[in-house]
Protein backbone atom coordinates (compact mmCIF):
# COMPACT_ATOMS: atom_id res chain seq x y z
CA MET A 1 18.71 127.83 -160.46
CA PRO A 2 20.34 124.65 -159.10
CA ASP A 3 18.74 121.20 -159.15
CA ALA A 4 16.61 120.54 -156.07
CA PRO A 5 18.33 117.87 -153.91
CA PRO A 6 17.24 114.45 -154.00
CA ARG A 7 14.62 113.12 -151.82
CA PRO A 8 15.95 111.44 -148.72
CA ASP A 9 16.28 107.47 -148.94
CA SER A 10 18.04 104.76 -147.21
CA GLY A 11 18.67 102.67 -150.18
CA ALA A 12 17.72 99.20 -150.53
CA ILE A 13 16.49 96.77 -147.72
CA GLN A 14 16.27 93.07 -147.14
CA VAL A 15 12.69 91.96 -146.49
CA PRO A 16 12.14 88.54 -145.25
CA THR A 17 9.76 86.79 -147.69
CA LEU A 18 7.89 84.98 -145.10
CA TYR A 19 6.73 88.45 -143.82
CA LEU A 20 5.45 88.98 -147.33
CA ARG A 21 3.86 85.56 -147.71
CA THR A 22 2.17 86.20 -144.38
CA LEU A 23 0.76 89.47 -145.82
CA MET A 24 -0.55 87.65 -148.87
CA GLU A 25 -2.20 85.10 -146.75
CA LEU A 26 -3.83 87.80 -145.01
CA THR A 27 -5.27 89.45 -147.91
CA GLN A 28 -6.49 86.38 -149.50
CA GLU A 29 -8.31 85.58 -146.15
CA MET A 30 -9.92 88.90 -146.37
CA GLY A 31 -10.91 87.91 -149.91
CA PHE A 32 -8.44 89.90 -152.09
CA ALA A 33 -6.32 88.73 -154.94
CA THR A 34 -2.59 89.44 -153.99
CA GLY A 35 -1.46 89.79 -157.89
CA PRO A 36 -2.46 93.61 -158.16
CA TRP A 37 -0.50 94.71 -155.17
CA LEU A 38 2.41 92.68 -155.83
CA GLU A 39 2.39 93.91 -159.41
CA ALA A 40 1.86 97.52 -158.15
CA ALA A 41 5.10 97.31 -156.34
CA GLY A 42 6.87 95.52 -159.07
CA ILE A 43 7.33 92.37 -157.32
CA ASP A 44 7.30 88.93 -159.23
CA PRO A 45 5.50 86.16 -157.09
CA GLN A 46 8.36 83.75 -157.77
CA GLN A 47 10.59 86.02 -155.72
CA LEU A 48 8.79 84.97 -152.63
CA ALA A 49 10.13 81.58 -153.06
CA GLN A 50 13.59 83.05 -151.87
CA PRO A 51 14.31 83.58 -148.28
CA SER A 52 14.42 87.27 -148.66
CA VAL A 53 13.93 90.07 -151.39
CA LEU A 54 15.92 93.00 -151.80
CA LEU A 55 13.64 96.15 -152.34
CA SER A 56 14.58 99.97 -152.44
CA THR A 57 12.71 101.71 -149.67
CA PRO A 58 10.40 103.29 -152.24
CA ARG A 59 9.12 100.27 -153.58
CA TYR A 60 8.57 98.83 -150.10
CA VAL A 61 6.53 101.71 -149.33
CA ALA A 62 4.73 101.40 -152.69
CA LEU A 63 4.01 97.71 -151.60
CA VAL A 64 2.57 98.79 -148.46
CA ARG A 65 0.43 101.50 -150.10
CA ALA A 66 -0.88 99.12 -152.82
CA ALA A 67 -1.88 96.56 -150.24
CA VAL A 68 -3.75 99.12 -147.94
CA LEU A 69 -5.48 100.69 -151.02
CA HIS A 70 -6.43 97.27 -152.48
CA THR A 71 -7.95 95.96 -149.15
CA GLN A 72 -9.33 99.33 -147.94
CA GLU A 73 -8.32 98.33 -144.37
CA PRO A 74 -6.34 101.04 -142.48
CA ALA A 75 -5.59 98.75 -139.56
CA LEU A 76 -3.74 96.35 -141.87
CA GLY A 77 -0.42 96.93 -139.81
CA LEU A 78 -2.12 95.63 -136.72
CA LEU A 79 -3.77 92.53 -138.31
CA LEU A 80 -0.29 91.50 -139.96
CA GLY A 81 1.68 92.09 -136.57
CA ARG A 82 -1.02 89.90 -134.98
CA ARG A 83 0.20 86.99 -137.37
CA LEU A 84 3.72 87.29 -136.66
CA ARG A 85 4.13 84.86 -134.09
CA MET A 86 7.66 83.87 -132.67
CA ASN A 87 8.26 81.26 -135.27
CA THR A 88 8.09 83.75 -138.06
CA HIS A 89 11.40 85.47 -136.79
CA GLY A 90 14.08 83.11 -138.10
CA THR A 91 17.45 82.92 -136.25
CA LEU A 92 16.45 85.72 -134.01
CA ALA A 93 13.45 83.66 -132.36
CA PHE A 94 16.03 80.82 -131.52
CA ALA A 95 18.05 83.48 -129.52
CA LEU A 96 14.96 84.96 -127.88
CA MET A 97 13.51 81.72 -126.87
CA ASN A 98 16.67 80.64 -124.83
CA ALA A 99 17.07 84.21 -122.97
CA ALA A 100 17.13 84.35 -119.17
CA SER A 101 15.04 87.11 -118.65
CA LEU A 102 12.94 89.64 -120.59
CA ARG A 103 15.80 92.16 -119.89
CA GLN A 104 18.12 89.85 -121.89
CA ALA A 105 15.50 89.24 -124.63
CA VAL A 106 15.32 93.20 -124.99
CA ALA A 107 19.07 93.38 -125.36
CA LEU A 108 18.89 90.74 -128.05
CA LEU A 109 16.25 92.79 -129.90
CA GLU A 110 17.93 96.11 -129.66
CA ARG A 111 21.20 94.22 -130.94
CA PHE A 112 19.77 91.99 -133.62
CA LEU A 113 16.35 93.53 -135.10
CA PRO A 114 18.23 94.42 -138.15
CA VAL A 115 18.38 90.93 -139.13
CA ARG A 116 14.69 90.97 -139.69
CA THR A 117 14.09 94.70 -140.52
CA ASN A 118 16.18 97.59 -140.88
CA LEU A 119 13.30 99.98 -141.41
CA LEU A 120 13.11 100.56 -137.76
CA ALA A 121 15.84 101.55 -135.11
CA LEU A 122 15.09 100.03 -131.50
CA ARG A 123 16.52 101.63 -128.36
CA PHE A 124 15.94 100.59 -124.76
CA VAL A 125 15.65 103.31 -122.22
CA ASP A 126 16.43 101.57 -118.76
CA SER A 127 14.72 103.54 -116.23
CA PRO A 128 14.40 102.16 -112.90
CA SER A 129 10.71 103.12 -112.90
CA SER A 130 9.59 103.29 -116.43
CA PRO A 131 11.81 101.45 -118.76
CA ARG A 132 10.59 101.57 -122.48
CA LEU A 133 11.42 100.37 -125.96
CA VAL A 134 11.56 103.37 -128.32
CA PHE A 135 11.08 102.48 -131.85
CA SER A 136 12.03 105.08 -134.47
CA PRO A 137 11.89 104.95 -138.26
CA ALA A 138 15.27 104.50 -139.86
CA ALA A 139 14.35 105.07 -143.36
CA ASN A 140 11.83 107.72 -145.20
CA LEU A 141 8.83 105.41 -144.88
CA ASP A 142 6.18 108.11 -145.97
CA VAL A 143 2.82 106.99 -145.74
CA ALA A 144 3.93 103.47 -144.59
CA GLU A 145 5.41 104.55 -141.40
CA LEU A 146 2.41 103.83 -138.94
CA LEU A 147 1.75 100.64 -140.50
CA ILE A 148 5.27 99.57 -140.28
CA LEU A 149 5.48 100.80 -136.61
CA GLU A 150 1.86 99.07 -135.65
CA THR A 151 3.31 95.66 -137.24
CA VAL A 152 6.81 95.82 -135.60
CA MET A 153 5.66 96.85 -132.16
CA LEU A 154 2.70 94.37 -131.97
CA ALA A 155 4.95 91.66 -133.07
CA VAL A 156 7.55 92.50 -130.42
CA ARG A 157 4.70 92.60 -127.84
CA GLN A 158 3.83 89.08 -128.79
CA VAL A 159 7.46 88.06 -128.38
CA PHE A 160 7.12 88.94 -124.65
CA ASP A 161 4.04 87.36 -124.32
CA TYR A 162 5.36 84.04 -125.89
CA LEU A 163 8.36 84.32 -123.23
CA ALA A 164 6.59 85.23 -120.29
CA PRO A 165 2.84 84.42 -120.60
CA GLY A 166 0.63 86.46 -118.53
CA ALA A 167 3.40 88.43 -116.88
CA GLN A 168 1.73 91.69 -118.17
CA SER A 169 5.36 92.76 -119.30
CA VAL A 170 4.02 95.77 -121.38
CA LEU A 171 2.00 98.28 -119.37
CA SER A 172 0.92 100.52 -122.22
CA VAL A 173 1.86 101.47 -125.74
CA GLU A 174 2.36 105.20 -127.22
CA PHE A 175 2.38 106.12 -130.69
CA ALA A 176 3.42 109.71 -131.85
CA ALA A 177 0.81 109.50 -134.67
CA PRO A 178 -2.80 110.88 -133.94
CA ALA A 179 -5.68 108.53 -132.71
CA ALA A 180 -7.07 106.25 -135.59
CA ALA A 181 -10.34 105.01 -136.09
CA TYR A 182 -9.40 101.64 -135.04
CA GLN A 183 -8.29 102.63 -131.60
CA ALA A 184 -10.14 99.97 -129.82
CA LEU A 185 -8.77 97.30 -131.97
CA ALA A 186 -5.31 98.64 -131.11
CA GLN A 187 -6.15 98.46 -127.45
CA GLU A 188 -7.51 94.75 -127.74
CA LEU A 189 -4.64 93.36 -129.82
CA PHE A 190 -1.97 95.09 -127.73
CA GLY A 191 -3.70 94.02 -124.37
CA CYS A 192 -3.18 97.45 -122.65
CA PRO A 193 -3.80 100.98 -123.04
CA VAL A 194 -2.68 102.68 -126.35
CA ARG A 195 -2.08 106.46 -126.26
CA ASN A 196 -1.56 108.28 -129.51
CA GLY A 197 0.01 112.05 -129.96
CA ALA A 198 2.95 110.94 -127.80
CA SER A 199 6.35 112.30 -128.26
CA ALA A 200 7.73 108.85 -129.41
CA ASN A 201 6.59 105.25 -130.34
CA VAL A 202 7.06 103.46 -127.17
CA LEU A 203 6.48 99.96 -125.42
CA CYS A 204 6.21 101.09 -121.83
CA MET A 205 7.73 97.99 -119.97
CA ASN A 206 6.81 96.73 -116.43
CA PRO A 207 10.03 96.93 -114.33
CA ALA A 208 8.75 94.27 -112.17
CA THR A 209 8.80 91.68 -115.03
CA LEU A 210 12.16 92.42 -116.56
CA ASP A 211 14.52 90.37 -114.44
CA THR A 212 12.15 87.54 -113.68
CA ALA A 213 13.97 84.19 -114.74
CA LEU A 214 12.27 82.57 -117.81
CA SER A 215 11.59 78.80 -117.73
CA SER A 216 12.97 78.34 -121.37
CA ALA A 217 16.45 79.75 -120.58
CA ASP A 218 19.46 77.82 -122.07
CA ALA A 219 22.67 79.66 -121.90
CA GLN A 220 24.54 77.48 -124.27
CA ALA A 221 21.57 77.49 -127.11
CA LEU A 222 21.40 81.08 -126.63
CA GLU A 223 25.20 81.47 -127.25
CA ASN A 224 25.02 79.36 -130.38
CA ALA A 225 21.69 81.33 -131.62
CA ALA A 226 23.41 84.71 -130.98
CA ALA A 227 26.36 83.66 -133.10
CA LEU A 228 24.31 82.87 -136.06
CA CYS A 229 22.49 86.08 -135.53
CA GLN A 230 25.81 87.91 -135.49
CA VAL A 231 26.73 86.12 -138.68
CA GLU A 232 23.71 87.40 -140.35
CA LEU A 233 24.11 90.80 -138.98
CA ASP A 234 27.64 90.94 -140.20
CA LYS A 235 26.41 89.90 -143.62
CA ILE A 236 23.82 92.70 -143.87
CA THR A 237 26.28 95.36 -142.65
CA GLN A 238 28.88 94.65 -145.25
CA GLN A 239 26.15 94.54 -148.07
CA GLU A 240 24.74 98.11 -146.57
CA SER A 241 26.15 101.13 -147.87
CA LEU A 242 28.07 103.42 -145.49
CA THR A 243 25.62 106.27 -146.45
CA ALA A 244 22.71 104.02 -145.49
CA ARG A 245 24.19 103.29 -142.10
CA ILE A 246 24.84 106.95 -141.47
CA GLN A 247 21.45 107.74 -142.50
CA ARG A 248 19.91 105.41 -140.07
CA ASN A 249 22.16 106.31 -137.21
CA LEU A 250 21.15 109.87 -137.91
CA LEU A 251 17.42 109.23 -137.92
CA ALA A 252 17.63 107.00 -134.75
CA SER A 253 19.58 109.57 -132.84
CA ASN A 254 17.95 111.22 -129.78
CA GLY A 255 18.11 114.91 -130.03
CA ALA A 256 20.74 116.73 -131.96
CA LEU A 257 22.29 115.03 -134.90
CA PRO A 258 25.79 113.91 -134.34
CA SER A 259 28.95 115.54 -135.67
CA LEU A 260 31.07 113.89 -138.61
CA HIS A 261 33.73 112.98 -135.87
CA THR A 262 31.05 111.48 -133.41
CA SER A 263 29.44 109.49 -136.23
CA ALA A 264 32.93 108.03 -137.34
CA ARG A 265 33.55 106.97 -133.69
CA LEU A 266 30.10 105.26 -133.56
CA LEU A 267 31.22 103.32 -136.88
CA HIS A 268 34.76 102.37 -135.45
CA MET A 269 36.61 104.42 -138.18
CA ALA A 270 38.58 107.61 -138.52
CA PRO A 271 37.03 110.65 -139.40
CA ARG A 272 39.19 111.00 -142.74
CA THR A 273 38.12 107.29 -143.56
CA LEU A 274 34.76 108.08 -143.08
CA HIS A 275 34.86 111.29 -145.40
CA ARG A 276 37.01 109.14 -147.96
CA ARG A 277 34.51 106.54 -148.02
CA LEU A 278 31.55 108.72 -148.51
CA GLN A 279 33.41 110.52 -151.41
CA ALA A 280 33.63 106.97 -153.07
CA GLU A 281 30.08 106.56 -152.70
CA GLY A 282 29.59 109.95 -154.33
CA THR A 283 28.33 112.04 -151.42
CA SER A 284 29.50 113.78 -148.09
CA TYR A 285 28.55 113.78 -144.44
CA ARG A 286 27.31 117.43 -144.79
CA ALA A 287 24.87 116.09 -147.77
CA ILE A 288 23.52 113.19 -145.60
CA VAL A 289 22.89 115.55 -142.71
CA GLU A 290 20.86 117.80 -145.20
CA GLN A 291 18.87 114.90 -146.41
CA VAL A 292 18.03 113.59 -142.89
CA ARG A 293 17.11 117.29 -141.70
CA HIS A 294 14.77 117.34 -144.79
CA GLN A 295 13.13 114.32 -143.77
CA LEU A 296 12.86 115.22 -140.07
CA ALA A 297 11.38 118.36 -140.99
CA LEU A 298 8.64 116.69 -143.01
CA GLN A 299 8.11 114.30 -140.18
CA HIS A 300 7.65 117.22 -137.42
CA LEU A 301 5.65 119.35 -139.49
CA ARG A 302 3.07 116.54 -140.42
CA GLN A 303 2.79 115.63 -136.74
CA GLY A 304 2.15 118.98 -135.89
CA LYS A 305 3.23 118.78 -132.29
CA LEU A 306 6.43 121.26 -132.38
CA ASN A 307 6.22 124.88 -133.39
CA MET A 308 8.65 126.41 -135.97
CA GLN A 309 11.23 127.52 -133.51
CA GLU A 310 11.30 124.07 -131.75
CA ILE A 311 11.61 122.12 -135.03
CA ALA A 312 14.43 124.49 -136.11
CA TYR A 313 16.17 123.94 -132.57
CA ARG A 314 15.72 120.16 -133.08
CA LEU A 315 17.27 120.08 -136.45
CA GLY A 316 20.39 122.17 -135.47
CA TYR A 317 19.46 125.51 -136.77
CA THR A 318 20.67 128.61 -135.08
CA ASP A 319 17.38 130.55 -135.87
CA GLN A 320 14.00 130.10 -137.61
CA ALA A 321 15.07 132.15 -140.54
CA ASN A 322 17.85 129.75 -141.54
CA PHE A 323 15.44 126.80 -141.28
CA ARG A 324 12.97 128.39 -143.58
CA ARG A 325 15.48 129.23 -146.32
CA ALA A 326 16.51 125.54 -146.27
CA PHE A 327 12.89 124.34 -146.16
CA LYS A 328 12.22 126.66 -149.17
CA ARG A 329 15.09 125.20 -151.06
CA TRP A 330 13.86 121.53 -150.28
CA GLU A 331 10.35 121.83 -151.10
CA GLY A 332 9.91 125.15 -152.82
CA VAL A 333 7.22 126.33 -150.25
CA ALA A 334 7.74 127.75 -146.88
CA PRO A 335 7.35 125.25 -143.96
CA SER A 336 4.37 127.14 -142.67
CA GLN A 337 2.53 126.00 -146.03
CA LEU A 338 3.11 122.34 -145.02
CA GLY A 339 0.63 121.27 -141.98
CA PRO A 340 -0.28 117.80 -140.58
CA ARG A 341 -2.00 115.48 -142.83
């Protein structure tokens, strides 16, 4: 019998140590020592003196799991997000503070979020009546997924509050996960209705505030800050493997997974070049698609919102039988044996 395929993973991620230090301060104020959960994730406290630390996605998930288990605080993501004020976001903060409007700030976030975190992909849906920011996991976050979504989405909400105080820029928030026991706290911190069990993770924007001029706007300062953000983004992109970039793009895709030719075009390279570079990294486009299908299958089954036929269709299978065979190959059990957590 052939070996099972490796678990999906998006490789290493850069985590700003300021975010980790903020998490340390939070847990210390809650009365807990930080050493045990840092040690559980294999992080040397001395690493936190650096601007950022390179962690594999599984180690980052282990870090988050250890912090939650150590503090026994299920709402840790919200409490951390509340502390991530504008001045914690580095060069991106300088660009945002000089935006001409919230619409321009949204465009900056969509373009430069990876300079702060590449765990989530951000997509702006510009509908005249219901514009929204959609947040999608761009890595296999496992049990840390909701915590990271809550942290980042609340931090982004606070960016809008900083830029346009009192403007009610976000009308509501939606999470794909079921409602948690701390639902009232979530609504209080987001300052608007929060709905769970939705089809996606979304900040529903107020169309009336998107184009209002911001008093802090400075076109020249914005140009300078955006140029610095681009330098950081280029550096991250150069360090990231092509495999990880494709995985992130596939996970963030809306609907059917793009073909090799489409992915090549999105990455501004010829299909043969993409194929050759993936071979050099010891993989193939088909193998990456298989890994992403595996990850998305687990996600859909645990959310419990789609039936088997809908999941198979979403993942590009022509019928349920093909999906069941693939899932049995990945997990060793039928998909019907894996339900919501």
